[in-house]
């Protein structure tokens, strides 16, 4: 009887503790984050075809086998990097709501987007590279989630216009202009530094750039 119980206990599956499960979850998330960060740096410099999984694995300090456990292929890894950066870049736009004062909302949006250009230039350059190549791996994201988000915010801007809070400008072109003016400082960082001798990392240059963009954009959309 005792021997039977012993055999039965040996065959029973051990249930991991809550702390062990949490520790494993944090380890997995840490590995994924390290791989995504390494991939972002390499993809933004060399593109999809100029980057190998061996390079990413080496940069992330993981084995190639381990990398493929988290991401099934180089294309899968690339798409995950693009999705992550798209989420970061679009988060400020999601904050637009009809209840806000439009001048304050657009002014703050310019600040946040310029901070993203300063703090995340690699993400912006990679997104720009993908778009210039025709967005072959990101087209689905652009045609559905991005388009839906933009149309939702176009409706918000149109509400501001209808209420007389903004001039009668094209909501779509306003959004495109906000993207173009702020992301230019990340995508063409080298050109900006060559011409101005400064980048957004210089606090004084950042504030001067922000005030200039706010003046240009806000004076164009204030009610006539």
N, C-alpha and C. Protein backbone atom coordinates (compact mmCIF):
# COMPACT_ATOMS: atom_id res chain seq x y z
N UNK A 1 0.84 -1.21 0.00
CA UNK A 1 0.00 0.00 0.00
C UNK A 1 0.87 1.25 0.00
N UNK A 2 1.88 1.22 0.85
CA UNK A 2 2.78 2.37 0.94
C UNK A 2 3.55 2.56 -0.36
N UNK A 3 4.00 1.39 -0.90
CA UNK A 3 4.76 1.46 -2.14
C UNK A 3 3.89 1.99 -3.26
N UNK A 4 2.62 1.60 -3.29
CA UNK A 4 1.71 2.08 -4.32
C UNK A 4 1.52 3.58 -4.24
N UNK A 5 1.39 4.08 -3.01
CA UNK A 5 1.23 5.53 -2.83
C UNK A 5 2.46 6.28 -3.28
N UNK A 6 3.63 5.68 -2.97
CA UNK A 6 4.88 6.33 -3.35
C UNK A 6 4.98 6.43 -4.87
N UNK A 7 4.63 5.33 -5.55
CA UNK A 7 4.67 5.32 -7.00
C UNK A 7 3.69 6.34 -7.58
N UNK A 8 2.50 6.41 -6.96
CA UNK A 8 1.48 7.35 -7.43
C UNK A 8 1.93 8.78 -7.25
N UNK A 9 2.57 9.08 -6.11
CA UNK A 9 3.06 10.44 -5.85
C UNK A 9 4.16 10.84 -6.82
N UNK A 10 5.01 9.83 -7.14
CA UNK A 10 6.09 10.13 -8.07
C UNK A 10 5.56 10.47 -9.45
N UNK A 11 4.43 9.84 -9.82
CA UNK A 11 3.88 10.06 -11.15
C UNK A 11 3.04 11.31 -11.25
N UNK A 12 2.70 11.92 -10.09
CA UNK A 12 1.84 13.11 -10.12
C UNK A 12 2.61 14.31 -10.66
N UNK A 13 1.93 15.12 -11.48
CA UNK A 13 2.56 16.31 -12.06
C UNK A 13 2.70 17.39 -11.01
N UNK A 14 3.83 18.03 -11.00
CA UNK A 14 4.06 19.12 -10.05
C UNK A 14 3.49 20.41 -10.60
N UNK A 15 2.70 21.09 -9.78
CA UNK A 15 2.11 22.36 -10.18
C UNK A 15 3.06 23.48 -9.79
N UNK A 16 3.53 24.28 -10.75
CA UNK A 16 4.47 25.36 -10.41
C UNK A 16 3.80 26.41 -9.53
N UNK A 17 4.59 27.00 -8.66
CA UNK A 17 4.06 28.03 -7.77
C UNK A 17 3.75 29.30 -8.55
N UNK A 18 2.95 30.17 -7.94
CA UNK A 18 2.59 31.44 -8.58
C UNK A 18 3.83 32.27 -8.84
N UNK A 19 4.79 32.26 -7.92
CA UNK A 19 6.01 33.05 -8.09
C UNK A 19 6.85 32.51 -9.24
N UNK A 20 6.85 31.18 -9.42
CA UNK A 20 7.61 30.58 -10.51
C UNK A 20 6.98 30.94 -11.85
N UNK A 21 5.66 30.93 -11.90
CA UNK A 21 4.94 31.30 -13.13
C UNK A 21 5.21 32.76 -13.48
N UNK A 22 5.17 33.62 -12.45
CA UNK A 22 5.42 35.05 -12.66
C UNK A 22 6.85 35.29 -13.12
N UNK A 23 7.79 34.56 -12.52
CA UNK A 23 9.20 34.71 -12.88
C UNK A 23 9.43 34.29 -14.33
N UNK A 24 8.78 33.20 -14.74
CA UNK A 24 8.92 32.74 -16.12
C UNK A 24 8.30 33.74 -17.10
N UNK A 25 7.16 34.31 -16.72
CA UNK A 25 6.48 35.28 -17.59
C UNK A 25 7.37 36.51 -17.78
N UNK A 26 8.01 36.97 -16.69
CA UNK A 26 8.88 38.14 -16.78
C UNK A 26 10.13 37.84 -17.61
N UNK A 27 10.62 36.60 -17.50
CA UNK A 27 11.79 36.21 -18.28
C UNK A 27 11.46 36.19 -19.77
N UNK A 28 10.27 35.65 -20.10
CA UNK A 28 9.84 35.60 -21.50
C UNK A 28 9.69 37.01 -22.05
N UNK A 29 9.05 37.88 -21.29
CA UNK A 29 8.83 39.26 -21.74
C UNK A 29 10.16 39.99 -21.90
N UNK A 30 11.10 39.72 -21.00
CA UNK A 30 12.41 40.35 -21.08
C UNK A 30 13.16 39.89 -22.33
N UNK A 31 13.08 38.60 -22.64
CA UNK A 31 13.74 38.06 -23.83
C UNK A 31 13.11 38.66 -25.09
N UNK A 32 11.78 38.70 -25.14
CA UNK A 32 11.09 39.26 -26.30
C UNK A 32 11.48 40.72 -26.51
N UNK A 33 11.52 41.48 -25.40
CA UNK A 33 11.86 42.90 -25.48
C UNK A 33 13.29 43.08 -25.99
N UNK A 34 14.21 42.25 -25.52
CA UNK A 34 15.61 42.34 -25.95
C UNK A 34 15.74 42.03 -27.44
N UNK A 35 15.01 41.04 -27.90
CA UNK A 35 15.05 40.66 -29.32
C UNK A 35 14.46 41.77 -30.18
N UNK A 36 13.30 42.31 -29.77
CA UNK A 36 12.66 43.38 -30.52
C UNK A 36 13.53 44.63 -30.59
N UNK A 37 14.19 44.95 -29.48
CA UNK A 37 15.06 46.12 -29.44
C UNK A 37 16.26 45.94 -30.38
N UNK A 38 16.86 44.76 -30.33
CA UNK A 38 18.00 44.49 -31.21
C UNK A 38 17.57 44.52 -32.67
N UNK A 39 16.41 43.94 -32.96
CA UNK A 39 15.91 43.90 -34.33
C UNK A 39 15.61 45.30 -34.84
N UNK A 40 15.04 46.13 -33.99
CA UNK A 40 14.73 47.50 -34.38
C UNK A 40 15.99 48.24 -34.81
N UNK A 41 17.04 48.15 -34.01
CA UNK A 41 18.28 48.83 -34.33
C UNK A 41 18.88 48.37 -35.65
N UNK A 42 18.84 47.06 -35.90
CA UNK A 42 19.42 46.52 -37.13
C UNK A 42 18.53 46.77 -38.34
N UNK A 43 17.22 46.56 -38.19
CA UNK A 43 16.31 46.79 -39.32
C UNK A 43 16.31 48.25 -39.75
N UNK A 44 16.40 49.16 -38.77
CA UNK A 44 16.36 50.59 -39.11
C UNK A 44 17.62 51.03 -39.84
N UNK A 45 18.72 50.29 -39.67
CA UNK A 45 19.98 50.62 -40.35
C UNK A 45 20.14 49.88 -41.68
N UNK A 46 19.76 48.60 -41.69
CA UNK A 46 20.06 47.77 -42.86
C UNK A 46 18.82 47.25 -43.59
N UNK A 47 17.63 47.50 -43.04
CA UNK A 47 16.42 47.02 -43.67
C UNK A 47 16.20 45.54 -43.42
N UNK A 48 15.08 45.04 -43.91
CA UNK A 48 14.73 43.62 -43.72
C UNK A 48 15.75 42.70 -44.39
N UNK A 49 16.05 42.96 -45.66
CA UNK A 49 16.90 42.04 -46.42
C UNK A 49 18.38 42.18 -46.07
N UNK A 50 18.75 43.31 -45.49
CA UNK A 50 20.15 43.50 -45.12
C UNK A 50 20.47 43.04 -43.71
N UNK A 51 19.48 42.50 -43.01
CA UNK A 51 19.65 42.04 -41.63
C UNK A 51 19.42 40.54 -41.57
N UNK A 52 20.27 39.83 -40.84
CA UNK A 52 20.11 38.38 -40.67
C UNK A 52 19.65 38.06 -39.25
N UNK A 53 19.01 36.91 -39.09
CA UNK A 53 18.59 36.49 -37.76
C UNK A 53 19.80 36.25 -36.86
N UNK A 54 20.91 35.82 -37.46
CA UNK A 54 22.14 35.62 -36.67
C UNK A 54 22.60 36.95 -36.06
N UNK A 55 22.50 38.03 -36.84
CA UNK A 55 22.89 39.35 -36.32
C UNK A 55 21.99 39.76 -35.16
N UNK A 56 20.68 39.56 -35.34
CA UNK A 56 19.73 39.93 -34.29
C UNK A 56 19.98 39.12 -33.03
N UNK A 57 20.17 37.81 -33.19
CA UNK A 57 20.41 36.94 -32.04
C UNK A 57 21.66 37.35 -31.29
N UNK A 58 22.72 37.66 -32.04
CA UNK A 58 23.97 38.08 -31.42
C UNK A 58 23.78 39.39 -30.66
N UNK A 59 23.09 40.34 -31.27
CA UNK A 59 22.85 41.64 -30.64
C UNK A 59 21.99 41.51 -29.39
N UNK A 60 21.02 40.58 -29.43
CA UNK A 60 20.11 40.39 -28.28
C UNK A 60 20.69 39.45 -27.24
N UNK A 61 21.84 38.87 -27.54
CA UNK A 61 22.51 37.93 -26.64
C UNK A 61 21.65 36.70 -26.36
N UNK A 62 21.07 36.16 -27.44
CA UNK A 62 20.32 34.91 -27.35
C UNK A 62 20.78 34.02 -28.50
N UNK A 63 20.46 32.74 -28.42
CA UNK A 63 20.78 31.84 -29.53
C UNK A 63 19.75 32.03 -30.64
N UNK A 64 20.12 31.66 -31.84
CA UNK A 64 19.18 31.75 -32.96
C UNK A 64 17.98 30.84 -32.71
N UNK A 65 18.23 29.67 -32.13
CA UNK A 65 17.14 28.74 -31.81
C UNK A 65 16.18 29.37 -30.82
N UNK A 66 16.74 30.06 -29.83
CA UNK A 66 15.91 30.73 -28.84
C UNK A 66 15.09 31.85 -29.47
N UNK A 67 15.70 32.59 -30.38
CA UNK A 67 15.00 33.67 -31.08
C UNK A 67 13.81 33.11 -31.86
N UNK A 68 14.04 31.98 -32.54
CA UNK A 68 12.97 31.38 -33.35
C UNK A 68 11.88 30.76 -32.50
N UNK A 69 12.15 30.58 -31.22
CA UNK A 69 11.10 30.12 -30.29
C UNK A 69 10.06 31.24 -30.10
N UNK A 70 10.54 32.49 -30.09
CA UNK A 70 9.66 33.63 -29.87
C UNK A 70 9.08 34.18 -31.16
N UNK A 71 9.85 34.12 -32.23
CA UNK A 71 9.41 34.65 -33.52
C UNK A 71 9.72 33.61 -34.59
N UNK A 72 8.70 33.19 -35.34
CA UNK A 72 8.83 32.06 -36.25
C UNK A 72 9.75 32.27 -37.44
N UNK A 73 9.97 33.51 -37.82
CA UNK A 73 10.80 33.79 -38.98
C UNK A 73 11.28 35.24 -38.92
N UNK A 74 12.17 35.60 -39.83
CA UNK A 74 12.65 36.99 -39.87
C UNK A 74 11.50 37.92 -40.22
N UNK A 75 10.62 37.50 -41.12
CA UNK A 75 9.48 38.33 -41.50
C UNK A 75 8.53 38.53 -40.32
N UNK A 76 8.32 37.46 -39.55
CA UNK A 76 7.46 37.54 -38.36
C UNK A 76 8.05 38.54 -37.36
N UNK A 77 9.35 38.48 -37.16
CA UNK A 77 10.02 39.42 -36.25
C UNK A 77 9.90 40.85 -36.77
N UNK A 78 10.10 41.03 -38.06
CA UNK A 78 10.01 42.35 -38.68
C UNK A 78 8.61 42.95 -38.50
N UNK A 79 7.58 42.16 -38.74
CA UNK A 79 6.21 42.63 -38.61
C UNK A 79 5.91 43.01 -37.16
N UNK A 80 6.41 42.22 -36.20
CA UNK A 80 6.20 42.54 -34.79
C UNK A 80 6.88 43.84 -34.40
N UNK A 81 8.07 44.09 -34.96
CA UNK A 81 8.76 45.36 -34.71
C UNK A 81 7.93 46.51 -35.27
N UNK A 82 7.42 46.35 -36.48
CA UNK A 82 6.62 47.41 -37.12
C UNK A 82 5.33 47.66 -36.34
N UNK A 83 4.69 46.62 -35.90
CA UNK A 83 3.45 46.78 -35.13
C UNK A 83 3.71 47.53 -33.82
N UNK A 84 4.82 47.20 -33.19
CA UNK A 84 5.16 47.86 -31.93
C UNK A 84 5.42 49.34 -32.14
N UNK A 85 6.17 49.67 -33.18
CA UNK A 85 6.48 51.08 -33.42
C UNK A 85 5.26 51.85 -33.90
N UNK A 86 4.37 51.18 -34.65
CA UNK A 86 3.15 51.83 -35.12
C UNK A 86 2.28 52.18 -33.92
N UNK A 87 2.24 51.29 -32.95
CA UNK A 87 1.47 51.55 -31.73
C UNK A 87 2.02 52.76 -30.98
N UNK A 88 3.36 52.85 -30.90
CA UNK A 88 3.99 53.98 -30.21
C UNK A 88 3.69 55.29 -30.93
N UNK A 89 3.82 55.30 -32.27
CA UNK A 89 3.65 56.52 -33.04
C UNK A 89 2.20 56.99 -33.08
N UNK A 90 1.25 56.06 -32.99
CA UNK A 90 -0.16 56.44 -33.12
C UNK A 90 -0.84 56.74 -31.79
N UNK A 91 -0.19 56.37 -30.70
CA UNK A 91 -0.81 56.57 -29.38
C UNK A 91 -1.23 58.02 -29.12
N UNK A 92 -0.41 59.01 -29.47
CA UNK A 92 -0.84 60.41 -29.22
C UNK A 92 -2.09 60.80 -29.99
N UNK A 93 -2.25 60.29 -31.23
CA UNK A 93 -3.42 60.62 -32.03
C UNK A 93 -4.69 60.04 -31.42
N UNK A 94 -4.56 58.90 -30.76
CA UNK A 94 -5.72 58.26 -30.14
C UNK A 94 -6.33 59.13 -29.05
N UNK A 95 -5.55 60.06 -28.52
CA UNK A 95 -6.03 60.90 -27.42
C UNK A 95 -6.99 61.99 -27.88
N UNK A 96 -7.03 62.30 -29.17
CA UNK A 96 -7.93 63.35 -29.67
C UNK A 96 -9.38 63.00 -29.33
N UNK A 97 -10.12 63.96 -28.74
CA UNK A 97 -11.54 63.75 -28.48
C UNK A 97 -12.29 65.06 -28.70
N UNK A 98 -13.55 64.96 -29.07
CA UNK A 98 -14.36 66.14 -29.39
C UNK A 98 -14.50 67.08 -28.21
N UNK A 99 -14.35 66.55 -26.99
CA UNK A 99 -14.52 67.38 -25.78
C UNK A 99 -13.34 68.30 -25.54
N UNK A 100 -12.19 68.02 -26.16
CA UNK A 100 -11.00 68.84 -25.94
C UNK A 100 -11.10 70.18 -26.65
N UNK A 101 -10.30 71.15 -26.16
CA UNK A 101 -10.10 72.38 -26.90
C UNK A 101 -9.13 72.04 -28.03
N UNK A 102 -9.51 72.25 -29.29
CA UNK A 102 -8.67 71.81 -30.41
C UNK A 102 -7.29 72.45 -30.45
N UNK A 103 -7.20 73.73 -30.12
CA UNK A 103 -5.90 74.41 -30.16
C UNK A 103 -4.96 73.79 -29.12
N UNK A 104 -5.49 73.54 -27.93
CA UNK A 104 -4.67 72.90 -26.88
C UNK A 104 -4.31 71.48 -27.27
N UNK A 105 -5.28 70.74 -27.85
CA UNK A 105 -5.03 69.35 -28.22
C UNK A 105 -3.97 69.24 -29.31
N UNK A 106 -4.05 70.08 -30.33
CA UNK A 106 -3.08 70.04 -31.43
C UNK A 106 -1.72 70.51 -30.95
N UNK A 107 -1.70 71.52 -30.09
CA UNK A 107 -0.44 72.03 -29.54
C UNK A 107 0.28 70.94 -28.75
N UNK A 108 -0.47 70.21 -27.91
CA UNK A 108 0.12 69.14 -27.12
C UNK A 108 0.54 67.98 -28.01
N UNK A 109 -0.25 67.70 -29.05
CA UNK A 109 0.08 66.62 -29.98
C UNK A 109 1.43 66.90 -30.65
N UNK A 110 1.65 68.15 -31.05
CA UNK A 110 2.93 68.53 -31.65
C UNK A 110 4.09 68.28 -30.69
N UNK A 111 3.88 68.63 -29.42
CA UNK A 111 4.94 68.42 -28.43
C UNK A 111 5.25 66.93 -28.28
N UNK A 112 4.22 66.11 -28.12
CA UNK A 112 4.42 64.68 -27.91
C UNK A 112 5.07 64.03 -29.13
N UNK A 113 4.61 64.40 -30.33
CA UNK A 113 5.18 63.83 -31.54
C UNK A 113 6.64 64.24 -31.73
N UNK A 114 6.95 65.47 -31.37
CA UNK A 114 8.33 65.92 -31.49
C UNK A 114 9.21 65.20 -30.46
N UNK A 115 8.67 64.94 -29.29
CA UNK A 115 9.41 64.17 -28.28
C UNK A 115 9.66 62.75 -28.78
N UNK A 116 8.69 62.17 -29.47
CA UNK A 116 8.88 60.83 -30.04
C UNK A 116 9.97 60.85 -31.11
N UNK A 117 10.00 61.91 -31.91
CA UNK A 117 11.04 62.03 -32.94
C UNK A 117 12.42 62.16 -32.30
N UNK A 118 12.46 62.84 -31.16
CA UNK A 118 13.73 63.00 -30.44
C UNK A 118 14.16 61.70 -29.76
N UNK A 119 13.22 61.03 -29.12
CA UNK A 119 13.55 59.87 -28.28
C UNK A 119 13.51 58.53 -29.02
N UNK A 120 12.80 58.47 -30.15
CA UNK A 120 12.66 57.21 -30.88
C UNK A 120 12.92 57.38 -32.38
N UNK A 121 14.06 57.93 -32.75
CA UNK A 121 14.33 58.16 -34.18
C UNK A 121 14.43 56.88 -34.99
N UNK A 122 14.91 55.79 -34.38
CA UNK A 122 15.05 54.54 -35.12
C UNK A 122 13.69 54.02 -35.57
N UNK A 123 12.69 54.12 -34.68
CA UNK A 123 11.35 53.66 -35.01
C UNK A 123 10.79 54.44 -36.21
N UNK A 124 10.98 55.76 -36.17
CA UNK A 124 10.47 56.60 -37.25
C UNK A 124 11.16 56.28 -38.57
N UNK A 125 12.48 56.10 -38.54
CA UNK A 125 13.21 55.82 -39.77
C UNK A 125 12.81 54.47 -40.36
N UNK A 126 12.60 53.48 -39.50
CA UNK A 126 12.20 52.16 -39.99
C UNK A 126 10.81 52.22 -40.63
N UNK A 127 9.90 52.94 -39.99
CA UNK A 127 8.56 53.09 -40.54
C UNK A 127 8.62 53.81 -41.89
N UNK A 128 9.43 54.85 -41.96
CA UNK A 128 9.60 55.60 -43.21
C UNK A 128 10.16 54.70 -44.31
N UNK A 129 11.14 53.87 -43.96
CA UNK A 129 11.75 52.95 -44.92
C UNK A 129 10.71 51.97 -45.45
N UNK A 130 9.89 51.44 -44.56
CA UNK A 130 8.85 50.49 -44.97
C UNK A 130 7.84 51.13 -45.90
N UNK A 131 7.43 52.35 -45.59
CA UNK A 131 6.45 53.06 -46.41
C UNK A 131 7.02 53.35 -47.80
N UNK A 132 8.28 53.79 -47.85
CA UNK A 132 8.91 54.12 -49.13
C UNK A 132 9.07 52.89 -50.03
N UNK A 133 9.10 51.71 -49.42
CA UNK A 133 9.21 50.47 -50.19
C UNK A 133 7.84 49.93 -50.57
N UNK A 134 6.79 50.68 -50.27
CA UNK A 134 5.44 50.24 -50.63
C UNK A 134 4.73 49.49 -49.53
N UNK A 135 5.31 49.45 -48.34
CA UNK A 135 4.72 48.79 -47.17
C UNK A 135 4.28 47.36 -47.47
N UNK A 136 5.13 46.52 -48.08
CA UNK A 136 4.71 45.16 -48.45
C UNK A 136 4.28 44.30 -47.27
N UNK A 137 4.89 44.51 -46.09
CA UNK A 137 4.55 43.69 -44.93
C UNK A 137 3.65 44.41 -43.94
N UNK A 138 3.38 45.68 -44.18
CA UNK A 138 2.58 46.45 -43.23
C UNK A 138 1.27 46.94 -43.84
N UNK A 139 1.03 46.61 -45.09
CA UNK A 139 -0.13 47.16 -45.79
C UNK A 139 -1.44 46.81 -45.09
N UNK A 140 -1.55 45.59 -44.57
CA UNK A 140 -2.76 45.20 -43.86
C UNK A 140 -3.04 46.06 -42.65
N UNK A 141 -1.97 46.41 -41.92
CA UNK A 141 -2.13 47.26 -40.74
C UNK A 141 -2.54 48.67 -41.14
N UNK A 142 -2.03 49.13 -42.29
CA UNK A 142 -2.34 50.49 -42.73
C UNK A 142 -3.76 50.59 -43.27
N UNK A 143 -4.22 49.53 -43.94
CA UNK A 143 -5.53 49.57 -44.57
C UNK A 143 -6.67 49.35 -43.59
N UNK A 144 -6.37 48.77 -42.43
CA UNK A 144 -7.46 48.50 -41.48
C UNK A 144 -7.31 49.32 -40.20
N UNK A 145 -6.49 48.89 -39.22
CA UNK A 145 -6.43 49.65 -37.96
C UNK A 145 -6.07 51.12 -38.12
N UNK A 146 -5.04 51.40 -38.94
CA UNK A 146 -4.61 52.79 -39.10
C UNK A 146 -5.69 53.62 -39.78
N UNK A 147 -6.27 53.09 -40.83
CA UNK A 147 -7.32 53.82 -41.55
C UNK A 147 -8.52 54.09 -40.64
N UNK A 148 -8.89 53.09 -39.85
CA UNK A 148 -10.02 53.26 -38.94
C UNK A 148 -9.74 54.34 -37.90
N UNK A 149 -8.52 54.33 -37.36
CA UNK A 149 -8.14 55.34 -36.37
C UNK A 149 -8.17 56.73 -36.99
N UNK A 150 -7.58 56.89 -38.17
CA UNK A 150 -7.54 58.19 -38.83
C UNK A 150 -8.96 58.68 -39.13
N UNK A 151 -9.82 57.81 -39.64
CA UNK A 151 -11.18 58.22 -39.94
C UNK A 151 -11.93 58.66 -38.68
N UNK A 152 -11.65 57.99 -37.59
CA UNK A 152 -12.27 58.36 -36.31
C UNK A 152 -11.81 59.75 -35.89
N UNK A 153 -10.53 60.06 -36.06
CA UNK A 153 -10.00 61.36 -35.64
C UNK A 153 -10.34 62.47 -36.65
N UNK A 154 -10.53 62.08 -37.91
CA UNK A 154 -11.03 63.03 -38.91
C UNK A 154 -12.42 63.51 -38.48
N UNK A 155 -13.23 62.58 -37.98
CA UNK A 155 -14.58 62.95 -37.50
C UNK A 155 -14.49 63.91 -36.32
N UNK A 156 -13.51 63.69 -35.43
CA UNK A 156 -13.33 64.58 -34.28
C UNK A 156 -12.95 65.98 -34.77
N UNK A 157 -11.99 66.05 -35.69
CA UNK A 157 -11.56 67.36 -36.22
C UNK A 157 -12.71 68.06 -36.92
N UNK A 158 -13.50 67.29 -37.67
CA UNK A 158 -14.65 67.88 -38.36
C UNK A 158 -15.67 68.42 -37.36
N UNK A 159 -15.81 67.76 -36.23
CA UNK A 159 -16.70 68.25 -35.17
C UNK A 159 -16.22 69.60 -34.65
N UNK A 160 -14.90 69.73 -34.48
CA UNK A 160 -14.32 71.01 -34.04
C UNK A 160 -14.59 72.10 -35.09
N UNK A 161 -14.43 71.74 -36.36
CA UNK A 161 -14.66 72.71 -37.44
C UNK A 161 -16.13 73.13 -37.48
N UNK A 162 -17.03 72.17 -37.39
CA UNK A 162 -18.46 72.46 -37.43
C UNK A 162 -18.90 73.34 -36.26
N UNK A 163 -18.19 73.22 -35.14
CA UNK A 163 -18.52 74.01 -33.95
C UNK A 163 -17.87 75.40 -33.99
N UNK A 164 -17.12 75.68 -35.07
CA UNK A 164 -16.47 76.97 -35.20
C UNK A 164 -15.20 77.11 -34.37
N UNK A 165 -14.67 75.98 -33.89
CA UNK A 165 -13.47 76.02 -33.05
C UNK A 165 -12.19 75.95 -33.86
N UNK A 166 -12.31 75.54 -35.14
CA UNK A 166 -11.17 75.48 -36.06
C UNK A 166 -11.59 76.05 -37.39
N UNK A 167 -10.60 76.53 -38.15
CA UNK A 167 -10.88 76.99 -39.51
C UNK A 167 -11.29 75.79 -40.37
N UNK A 168 -11.91 76.07 -41.49
CA UNK A 168 -12.41 75.00 -42.37
C UNK A 168 -11.27 74.41 -43.20
N UNK A 169 -10.43 73.64 -42.54
CA UNK A 169 -9.31 72.98 -43.22
C UNK A 169 -9.69 71.52 -43.47
N UNK A 170 -8.92 70.86 -44.30
CA UNK A 170 -9.14 69.43 -44.55
C UNK A 170 -8.60 68.63 -43.37
N UNK A 171 -9.44 67.89 -42.65
CA UNK A 171 -8.96 67.09 -41.52
C UNK A 171 -7.87 66.10 -41.91
N UNK A 172 -8.03 65.45 -43.06
CA UNK A 172 -7.01 64.49 -43.49
C UNK A 172 -5.66 65.18 -43.69
N UNK A 173 -5.68 66.31 -44.38
CA UNK A 173 -4.41 66.99 -44.67
C UNK A 173 -3.80 67.62 -43.42
N UNK A 174 -4.64 67.96 -42.46
CA UNK A 174 -4.11 68.45 -41.19
C UNK A 174 -3.32 67.34 -40.49
N UNK A 175 -3.90 66.15 -40.44
CA UNK A 175 -3.21 65.02 -39.82
C UNK A 175 -1.91 64.69 -40.58
N UNK A 176 -1.98 64.68 -41.91
CA UNK A 176 -0.77 64.40 -42.70
C UNK A 176 0.32 65.45 -42.43
N UNK A 177 -0.09 66.71 -42.28
CA UNK A 177 0.87 67.79 -42.02
C UNK A 177 1.49 67.65 -40.64
N UNK A 178 0.71 67.25 -39.67
CA UNK A 178 1.23 67.04 -38.31
C UNK A 178 2.26 65.92 -38.32
N UNK A 179 1.97 64.85 -39.04
CA UNK A 179 2.93 63.75 -39.14
C UNK A 179 4.20 64.21 -39.84
N UNK A 180 4.03 64.87 -40.98
CA UNK A 180 5.18 65.25 -41.80
C UNK A 180 6.13 66.20 -41.08
N UNK A 181 5.56 67.22 -40.44
CA UNK A 181 6.42 68.23 -39.82
C UNK A 181 7.17 67.70 -38.61
N UNK A 182 6.55 66.81 -37.85
CA UNK A 182 7.23 66.31 -36.64
C UNK A 182 8.19 65.17 -36.96
N UNK A 183 7.76 64.22 -37.80
CA UNK A 183 8.61 63.07 -38.09
C UNK A 183 9.80 63.41 -38.97
N UNK A 184 9.74 64.55 -39.64
CA UNK A 184 10.87 65.00 -40.45
C UNK A 184 12.14 65.09 -39.60
N UNK A 185 11.99 65.48 -38.35
CA UNK A 185 13.16 65.69 -37.48
C UNK A 185 13.80 64.38 -37.04
N UNK A 186 13.09 63.26 -37.23
CA UNK A 186 13.68 61.95 -36.97
C UNK A 186 14.19 61.33 -38.26
N UNK A 187 13.34 61.34 -39.29
CA UNK A 187 13.69 60.69 -40.55
C UNK A 187 14.87 61.36 -41.25
N UNK A 188 14.98 62.69 -41.11
CA UNK A 188 16.05 63.44 -41.76
C UNK A 188 16.96 64.11 -40.71
N UNK A 189 17.19 63.38 -39.64
CA UNK A 189 18.00 63.88 -38.53
C UNK A 189 19.38 64.31 -39.00
N UNK A 190 20.01 63.51 -39.86
CA UNK A 190 21.35 63.82 -40.35
C UNK A 190 21.33 65.13 -41.14
N UNK A 191 20.30 65.31 -41.97
CA UNK A 191 20.18 66.54 -42.76
C UNK A 191 19.95 67.74 -41.86
N UNK A 192 19.11 67.59 -40.86
CA UNK A 192 18.84 68.68 -39.91
C UNK A 192 20.13 69.11 -39.23
N UNK A 193 20.91 68.13 -38.77
CA UNK A 193 22.15 68.44 -38.07
C UNK A 193 23.17 69.09 -39.02
N UNK A 194 23.20 68.62 -40.28
CA UNK A 194 24.14 69.19 -41.24
C UNK A 194 23.83 70.65 -41.54
N UNK A 195 22.54 70.98 -41.59
CA UNK A 195 22.13 72.34 -41.93
C UNK A 195 22.12 73.26 -40.71
N UNK A 196 21.50 72.77 -39.61
CA UNK A 196 21.33 73.62 -38.42
C UNK A 196 22.46 73.46 -37.40
N UNK A 197 23.22 72.39 -37.54
CA UNK A 197 24.29 72.14 -36.58
C UNK A 197 23.78 71.65 -35.24
N UNK A 198 22.49 71.29 -35.19
CA UNK A 198 21.88 70.84 -33.94
C UNK A 198 20.83 69.77 -34.24
N UNK A 199 20.44 69.04 -33.20
CA UNK A 199 19.35 68.08 -33.30
C UNK A 199 18.38 68.35 -32.15
N UNK A 200 17.31 67.59 -32.11
CA UNK A 200 16.32 67.76 -31.04
C UNK A 200 16.88 67.40 -29.67
N UNK A 201 18.04 66.76 -29.63
CA UNK A 201 18.68 66.44 -28.34
C UNK A 201 19.12 67.71 -27.62
N UNK A 202 19.30 68.79 -28.37
CA UNK A 202 19.64 70.09 -27.78
C UNK A 202 18.34 70.71 -27.25
N UNK A 203 18.20 70.89 -25.93
CA UNK A 203 16.94 71.39 -25.35
C UNK A 203 16.48 72.72 -25.94
N UNK A 204 17.42 73.63 -26.19
CA UNK A 204 17.04 74.93 -26.74
C UNK A 204 16.52 74.78 -28.16
N UNK A 205 17.18 73.93 -28.95
CA UNK A 205 16.74 73.70 -30.33
C UNK A 205 15.38 73.00 -30.35
N UNK A 206 15.17 72.08 -29.41
CA UNK A 206 13.88 71.39 -29.32
C UNK A 206 12.75 72.39 -29.08
N UNK A 207 12.94 73.27 -28.08
CA UNK A 207 11.90 74.25 -27.75
C UNK A 207 11.67 75.23 -28.90
N UNK A 208 12.74 75.64 -29.56
CA UNK A 208 12.61 76.55 -30.70
C UNK A 208 11.84 75.87 -31.84
N UNK A 209 12.15 74.60 -32.09
CA UNK A 209 11.46 73.84 -33.12
C UNK A 209 9.98 73.69 -32.78
N UNK A 210 9.70 73.34 -31.53
CA UNK A 210 8.32 73.16 -31.10
C UNK A 210 7.52 74.46 -31.25
N UNK A 211 8.08 75.55 -30.78
CA UNK A 211 7.37 76.84 -30.87
C UNK A 211 7.15 77.24 -32.33
N UNK A 212 8.11 76.95 -33.19
CA UNK A 212 7.97 77.29 -34.61
C UNK A 212 6.86 76.47 -35.25
N UNK A 213 6.84 75.17 -34.97
CA UNK A 213 5.80 74.31 -35.54
C UNK A 213 4.42 74.67 -35.00
N UNK A 214 4.35 74.96 -33.70
CA UNK A 214 3.07 75.35 -33.11
C UNK A 214 2.55 76.63 -33.75
N UNK A 215 3.44 77.57 -33.98
CA UNK A 215 3.05 78.83 -34.60
C UNK A 215 2.56 78.60 -36.03
N UNK A 216 3.32 77.83 -36.80
CA UNK A 216 2.95 77.57 -38.20
C UNK A 216 1.62 76.84 -38.30
N UNK A 217 1.47 75.77 -37.53
CA UNK A 217 0.25 74.95 -37.62
C UNK A 217 -0.95 75.63 -36.98
N UNK A 218 -0.78 76.11 -35.77
CA UNK A 218 -1.94 76.67 -35.04
C UNK A 218 -2.46 77.95 -35.68
N UNK A 219 -1.57 78.78 -36.20
CA UNK A 219 -2.03 80.00 -36.88
C UNK A 219 -2.80 79.67 -38.17
N UNK A 220 -2.53 78.49 -38.71
CA UNK A 220 -3.23 78.09 -39.92
C UNK A 220 -4.59 77.48 -39.65
N UNK A 221 -4.83 77.02 -38.41
CA UNK A 221 -6.10 76.34 -38.13
C UNK A 221 -7.00 77.13 -37.17
N UNK A 222 -6.50 78.23 -36.64
CA UNK A 222 -7.37 79.01 -35.77
C UNK A 222 -8.57 79.53 -36.56
N UNK A 223 -9.73 79.66 -35.89
CA UNK A 223 -10.93 80.20 -36.59
C UNK A 223 -10.63 81.56 -37.19
N UNK A 224 -11.07 81.79 -38.41
CA UNK A 224 -10.83 83.07 -39.08
C UNK A 224 -11.70 84.16 -38.45
